[in-house]
N, C-alpha and C. Protein backbone atom coordinates (compact mmCIF):
# COMPACT_ATOMS: atom_id res chain seq x y z
N MET A 1 55.98 107.36 -40.35
CA MET A 1 57.15 108.13 -40.68
C MET A 1 56.75 109.59 -40.82
N THR A 2 57.62 110.43 -40.34
CA THR A 2 57.35 111.87 -40.47
C THR A 2 58.31 112.49 -41.47
N GLY A 3 58.00 113.65 -41.92
CA GLY A 3 58.86 114.35 -42.87
C GLY A 3 58.31 114.28 -44.27
N LEU A 4 59.07 114.83 -45.21
CA LEU A 4 58.62 114.91 -46.58
C LEU A 4 58.86 113.62 -47.37
N TYR A 5 59.87 112.86 -47.00
CA TYR A 5 60.22 111.67 -47.77
C TYR A 5 59.53 110.46 -47.18
N ARG A 6 58.63 109.85 -47.95
CA ARG A 6 57.82 108.75 -47.44
C ARG A 6 58.38 107.37 -47.79
N ASP A 7 59.36 107.28 -48.69
CA ASP A 7 59.87 105.98 -49.12
C ASP A 7 61.27 105.72 -48.54
N SER A 8 61.34 105.59 -47.22
CA SER A 8 62.64 105.38 -46.57
C SER A 8 63.15 103.95 -46.81
N GLU A 9 62.27 103.04 -47.12
CA GLU A 9 62.69 101.65 -47.33
C GLU A 9 63.68 101.53 -48.49
N SER A 10 63.43 102.20 -49.58
CA SER A 10 64.32 102.09 -50.74
C SER A 10 65.71 102.66 -50.43
N ILE A 11 65.78 103.71 -49.62
CA ILE A 11 67.08 104.28 -49.25
C ILE A 11 67.85 103.28 -48.39
N VAL A 12 67.19 102.67 -47.44
CA VAL A 12 67.84 101.69 -46.55
C VAL A 12 68.31 100.49 -47.34
N ILE A 13 67.49 99.98 -48.24
CA ILE A 13 67.88 98.82 -49.05
C ILE A 13 69.05 99.17 -49.96
N ASP A 14 69.03 100.35 -50.55
CA ASP A 14 70.13 100.78 -51.40
C ASP A 14 71.42 100.92 -50.60
N ALA A 15 71.34 101.49 -49.42
CA ALA A 15 72.53 101.63 -48.56
C ALA A 15 73.05 100.25 -48.16
N PHE A 16 72.16 99.34 -47.82
CA PHE A 16 72.54 97.99 -47.43
C PHE A 16 73.28 97.28 -48.57
N LYS A 17 72.79 97.46 -49.79
CA LYS A 17 73.44 96.83 -50.95
C LYS A 17 74.88 97.32 -51.14
N HIS A 18 75.13 98.57 -50.78
CA HIS A 18 76.47 99.13 -50.94
C HIS A 18 77.40 98.83 -49.75
N PHE A 19 76.87 98.90 -48.54
CA PHE A 19 77.70 98.74 -47.36
C PHE A 19 77.95 97.28 -46.97
N GLN A 20 76.97 96.42 -47.13
CA GLN A 20 77.10 95.04 -46.66
C GLN A 20 78.29 94.29 -47.28
N PRO A 21 78.53 94.37 -48.60
CA PRO A 21 79.70 93.69 -49.15
C PRO A 21 81.02 94.19 -48.54
N VAL A 22 81.09 95.46 -48.24
CA VAL A 22 82.30 96.02 -47.62
C VAL A 22 82.48 95.43 -46.22
N PHE A 23 81.40 95.37 -45.44
CA PHE A 23 81.47 94.81 -44.09
C PHE A 23 81.86 93.33 -44.14
N GLU A 24 81.29 92.58 -45.08
CA GLU A 24 81.61 91.16 -45.20
C GLU A 24 83.08 90.97 -45.59
N ASN A 25 83.60 91.80 -46.47
CA ASN A 25 84.99 91.71 -46.86
C ASN A 25 85.92 92.03 -45.69
N LEU A 26 85.58 93.05 -44.91
CA LEU A 26 86.38 93.38 -43.73
C LEU A 26 86.38 92.23 -42.72
N GLN A 27 85.24 91.58 -42.57
CA GLN A 27 85.15 90.46 -41.64
C GLN A 27 85.99 89.28 -42.12
N ARG A 28 85.95 88.99 -43.42
CA ARG A 28 86.78 87.91 -43.98
C ARG A 28 88.26 88.21 -43.79
N GLN A 29 88.66 89.44 -44.08
CA GLN A 29 90.07 89.82 -43.92
C GLN A 29 90.51 89.70 -42.46
N ALA A 30 89.66 90.12 -41.54
CA ALA A 30 90.00 90.03 -40.12
C ALA A 30 90.13 88.57 -39.68
N ALA A 31 89.26 87.71 -40.17
CA ALA A 31 89.34 86.29 -39.81
C ALA A 31 90.62 85.67 -40.37
N ARG A 32 90.96 86.00 -41.60
CA ARG A 32 92.21 85.47 -42.20
C ARG A 32 93.43 85.95 -41.41
N THR A 33 93.46 87.24 -41.13
CA THR A 33 94.61 87.82 -40.43
C THR A 33 94.76 87.25 -39.01
N THR A 34 93.65 87.08 -38.33
CA THR A 34 93.68 86.66 -36.93
C THR A 34 93.85 85.16 -36.76
N TYR A 35 93.17 84.36 -37.59
CA TYR A 35 93.11 82.92 -37.32
C TYR A 35 93.74 82.01 -38.36
N ALA A 36 93.76 82.40 -39.61
CA ALA A 36 94.25 81.49 -40.66
C ALA A 36 95.75 81.28 -40.53
N GLY A 37 96.15 80.03 -40.76
CA GLY A 37 97.56 79.72 -40.72
C GLY A 37 97.82 78.41 -40.01
N THR A 38 99.08 78.15 -39.74
CA THR A 38 99.50 76.94 -39.05
C THR A 38 99.89 77.31 -37.62
N TRP A 39 99.32 76.59 -36.68
CA TRP A 39 99.57 76.83 -35.27
C TRP A 39 100.24 75.58 -34.70
N LYS A 40 101.41 75.74 -34.09
CA LYS A 40 102.16 74.60 -33.54
C LYS A 40 102.46 74.83 -32.07
N SER A 41 102.48 73.73 -31.32
CA SER A 41 102.86 73.82 -29.92
C SER A 41 104.37 74.01 -29.82
N ALA A 42 104.83 74.47 -28.68
CA ALA A 42 106.26 74.72 -28.49
C ALA A 42 107.08 73.44 -28.63
N ASP A 43 106.52 72.30 -28.21
CA ASP A 43 107.26 71.04 -28.29
C ASP A 43 107.11 70.35 -29.64
N GLY A 44 106.27 70.90 -30.54
CA GLY A 44 106.10 70.35 -31.88
C GLY A 44 105.22 69.12 -31.96
N LYS A 45 104.58 68.72 -30.87
CA LYS A 45 103.74 67.51 -30.87
C LYS A 45 102.30 67.80 -31.32
N CYS A 46 101.93 69.06 -31.32
CA CYS A 46 100.56 69.43 -31.66
C CYS A 46 100.58 70.48 -32.78
N GLU A 47 99.64 70.33 -33.71
CA GLU A 47 99.58 71.26 -34.84
C GLU A 47 98.15 71.40 -35.32
N ALA A 48 97.76 72.62 -35.63
CA ALA A 48 96.45 72.89 -36.23
C ALA A 48 96.66 73.80 -37.43
N VAL A 49 95.94 73.51 -38.51
CA VAL A 49 95.98 74.35 -39.70
C VAL A 49 94.56 74.86 -39.93
N ILE A 50 94.41 76.17 -39.93
CA ILE A 50 93.10 76.81 -40.08
C ILE A 50 93.10 77.64 -41.36
N SER A 51 92.01 77.53 -42.13
CA SER A 51 91.85 78.33 -43.33
C SER A 51 90.52 79.08 -43.27
N VAL A 52 90.43 80.12 -44.07
CA VAL A 52 89.17 80.86 -44.21
C VAL A 52 88.80 80.82 -45.68
N VAL A 53 87.64 80.20 -45.98
CA VAL A 53 87.17 80.03 -47.35
C VAL A 53 85.77 80.61 -47.46
N ASP A 54 85.61 81.59 -48.33
CA ASP A 54 84.32 82.25 -48.53
C ASP A 54 83.69 82.72 -47.21
N GLY A 55 84.53 83.22 -46.32
CA GLY A 55 84.04 83.75 -45.06
C GLY A 55 83.83 82.72 -43.97
N SER A 56 84.06 81.44 -44.26
CA SER A 56 83.90 80.39 -43.26
C SER A 56 85.26 79.88 -42.82
N MET A 57 85.38 79.58 -41.53
CA MET A 57 86.64 79.06 -41.00
C MET A 57 86.61 77.54 -41.02
N TRP A 58 87.76 76.95 -41.41
CA TRP A 58 87.88 75.50 -41.53
C TRP A 58 89.13 75.02 -40.81
N LEU A 59 89.00 73.90 -40.13
CA LEU A 59 90.13 73.23 -39.51
C LEU A 59 90.59 72.18 -40.51
N GLU A 60 91.72 72.45 -41.15
CA GLU A 60 92.24 71.59 -42.22
C GLU A 60 93.04 70.41 -41.67
N LYS A 61 93.73 70.65 -40.57
CA LYS A 61 94.59 69.63 -39.97
C LYS A 61 94.61 69.87 -38.47
N TYR A 62 94.57 68.77 -37.69
CA TYR A 62 94.62 68.91 -36.24
C TYR A 62 95.29 67.67 -35.65
N TRP A 63 96.53 67.82 -35.30
CA TRP A 63 97.30 66.75 -34.67
C TRP A 63 97.50 67.10 -33.21
N LEU A 64 97.18 66.17 -32.32
CA LEU A 64 97.32 66.37 -30.89
C LEU A 64 98.14 65.23 -30.32
N ASN A 65 99.33 65.53 -29.87
CA ASN A 65 100.25 64.52 -29.33
C ASN A 65 100.44 63.34 -30.28
N GLY A 66 100.61 63.66 -31.56
CA GLY A 66 100.87 62.62 -32.56
C GLY A 66 99.64 61.93 -33.11
N ASN A 67 98.45 62.34 -32.70
CA ASN A 67 97.20 61.71 -33.17
C ASN A 67 96.46 62.66 -34.11
N ASP A 68 96.01 62.12 -35.23
CA ASP A 68 95.23 62.89 -36.19
C ASP A 68 93.79 62.97 -35.69
N VAL A 69 93.46 64.05 -35.01
CA VAL A 69 92.15 64.21 -34.37
C VAL A 69 91.03 64.23 -35.41
N LEU A 70 91.25 64.86 -36.56
CA LEU A 70 90.21 64.90 -37.58
C LEU A 70 89.88 63.50 -38.08
N ALA A 71 90.89 62.67 -38.28
CA ALA A 71 90.65 61.30 -38.73
C ALA A 71 89.89 60.51 -37.67
N ILE A 72 90.21 60.75 -36.40
CA ILE A 72 89.50 60.06 -35.32
C ILE A 72 88.03 60.47 -35.31
N LEU A 73 87.77 61.78 -35.42
CA LEU A 73 86.39 62.27 -35.40
C LEU A 73 85.62 61.90 -36.66
N ARG A 74 86.32 61.75 -37.77
CA ARG A 74 85.69 61.45 -39.06
C ARG A 74 85.79 59.98 -39.44
N ASP A 75 86.03 59.11 -38.47
CA ASP A 75 86.08 57.67 -38.73
C ASP A 75 87.11 57.33 -39.79
N ASP A 76 88.35 57.75 -39.54
CA ASP A 76 89.51 57.50 -40.40
C ASP A 76 89.48 58.22 -41.74
N LYS A 77 88.67 59.26 -41.87
CA LYS A 77 88.69 60.11 -43.07
C LYS A 77 89.14 61.51 -42.63
N PRO A 78 90.39 61.85 -42.82
CA PRO A 78 90.89 63.14 -42.33
C PRO A 78 90.43 64.33 -43.17
N GLU A 79 89.14 64.57 -43.19
CA GLU A 79 88.58 65.68 -43.95
C GLU A 79 88.55 66.93 -43.07
N LYS A 80 88.56 68.08 -43.72
CA LYS A 80 88.49 69.32 -42.95
C LYS A 80 87.13 69.43 -42.26
N MET A 81 87.10 70.23 -41.18
CA MET A 81 85.87 70.44 -40.44
C MET A 81 85.63 71.94 -40.29
N ALA A 82 84.38 72.32 -40.33
CA ALA A 82 84.02 73.73 -40.13
C ALA A 82 84.24 74.10 -38.67
N LEU A 83 84.59 75.36 -38.46
CA LEU A 83 84.72 75.89 -37.11
C LEU A 83 83.63 76.93 -36.91
N ALA A 84 82.96 76.86 -35.78
CA ALA A 84 81.88 77.80 -35.46
C ALA A 84 82.17 78.46 -34.12
N SER A 85 81.80 79.70 -34.01
CA SER A 85 82.02 80.43 -32.77
C SER A 85 81.17 79.85 -31.65
N THR A 86 81.73 79.84 -30.45
CA THR A 86 80.96 79.41 -29.27
C THR A 86 80.22 80.58 -28.66
N GLY A 87 80.52 81.79 -29.16
CA GLY A 87 79.95 82.99 -28.58
C GLY A 87 80.92 83.66 -27.62
N ARG A 88 81.98 82.94 -27.28
CA ARG A 88 83.02 83.52 -26.43
C ARG A 88 84.16 84.00 -27.33
N GLU A 89 84.84 85.04 -26.90
CA GLU A 89 85.90 85.61 -27.71
C GLU A 89 87.02 84.61 -27.96
N ARG A 90 87.39 84.45 -29.23
CA ARG A 90 88.50 83.59 -29.68
C ARG A 90 88.32 82.12 -29.28
N GLU A 91 87.07 81.68 -29.24
CA GLU A 91 86.81 80.28 -28.92
C GLU A 91 85.87 79.70 -29.98
N PHE A 92 86.27 78.55 -30.53
CA PHE A 92 85.51 77.93 -31.62
C PHE A 92 85.33 76.45 -31.32
N ARG A 93 84.34 75.86 -31.97
CA ARG A 93 84.14 74.43 -31.86
C ARG A 93 84.05 73.83 -33.26
N CYS A 94 84.43 72.56 -33.35
CA CYS A 94 84.32 71.85 -34.63
C CYS A 94 82.87 71.51 -34.88
N VAL A 95 82.47 71.66 -36.11
CA VAL A 95 81.11 71.34 -36.51
C VAL A 95 81.15 70.12 -37.40
N PHE A 96 80.51 69.05 -36.97
CA PHE A 96 80.48 67.85 -37.80
C PHE A 96 79.23 67.07 -37.52
N SER A 97 78.92 66.21 -38.44
CA SER A 97 77.77 65.33 -38.33
C SER A 97 78.28 63.91 -38.23
N PRO A 98 78.03 63.22 -37.13
CA PRO A 98 78.56 61.86 -36.98
C PRO A 98 78.05 60.88 -38.03
N ASP A 99 76.92 61.16 -38.64
CA ASP A 99 76.39 60.23 -39.64
C ASP A 99 76.84 60.58 -41.06
N GLY A 100 77.70 61.58 -41.20
CA GLY A 100 78.25 61.93 -42.49
C GLY A 100 77.36 62.83 -43.34
N CYS A 101 76.34 63.41 -42.76
CA CYS A 101 75.42 64.28 -43.50
C CYS A 101 75.79 65.74 -43.30
N ASP A 102 76.99 66.10 -43.72
CA ASP A 102 77.46 67.48 -43.52
C ASP A 102 76.78 68.39 -44.47
């Protein structure tokens, strides 16, 4: 490092402590605004309910043509499932463990 100030690490860590919570809050708000809520098909046969809890997205309910998809995937236990980004814009996948070790 060049210059008079040799302890740049403490400045960076201090800045991170102040800025990171703000960035995380903005990200949570954006996820809630964009994705959280109830999504229904035009014909009313399909419905998904998405929530954002502590910065994580959850699929609370997912009915497809009258079938409870969460119950099917969870062996008749309609529990919520985490949603994870696929890396593509506005595309997510359900995260679950078939052996129940979530």
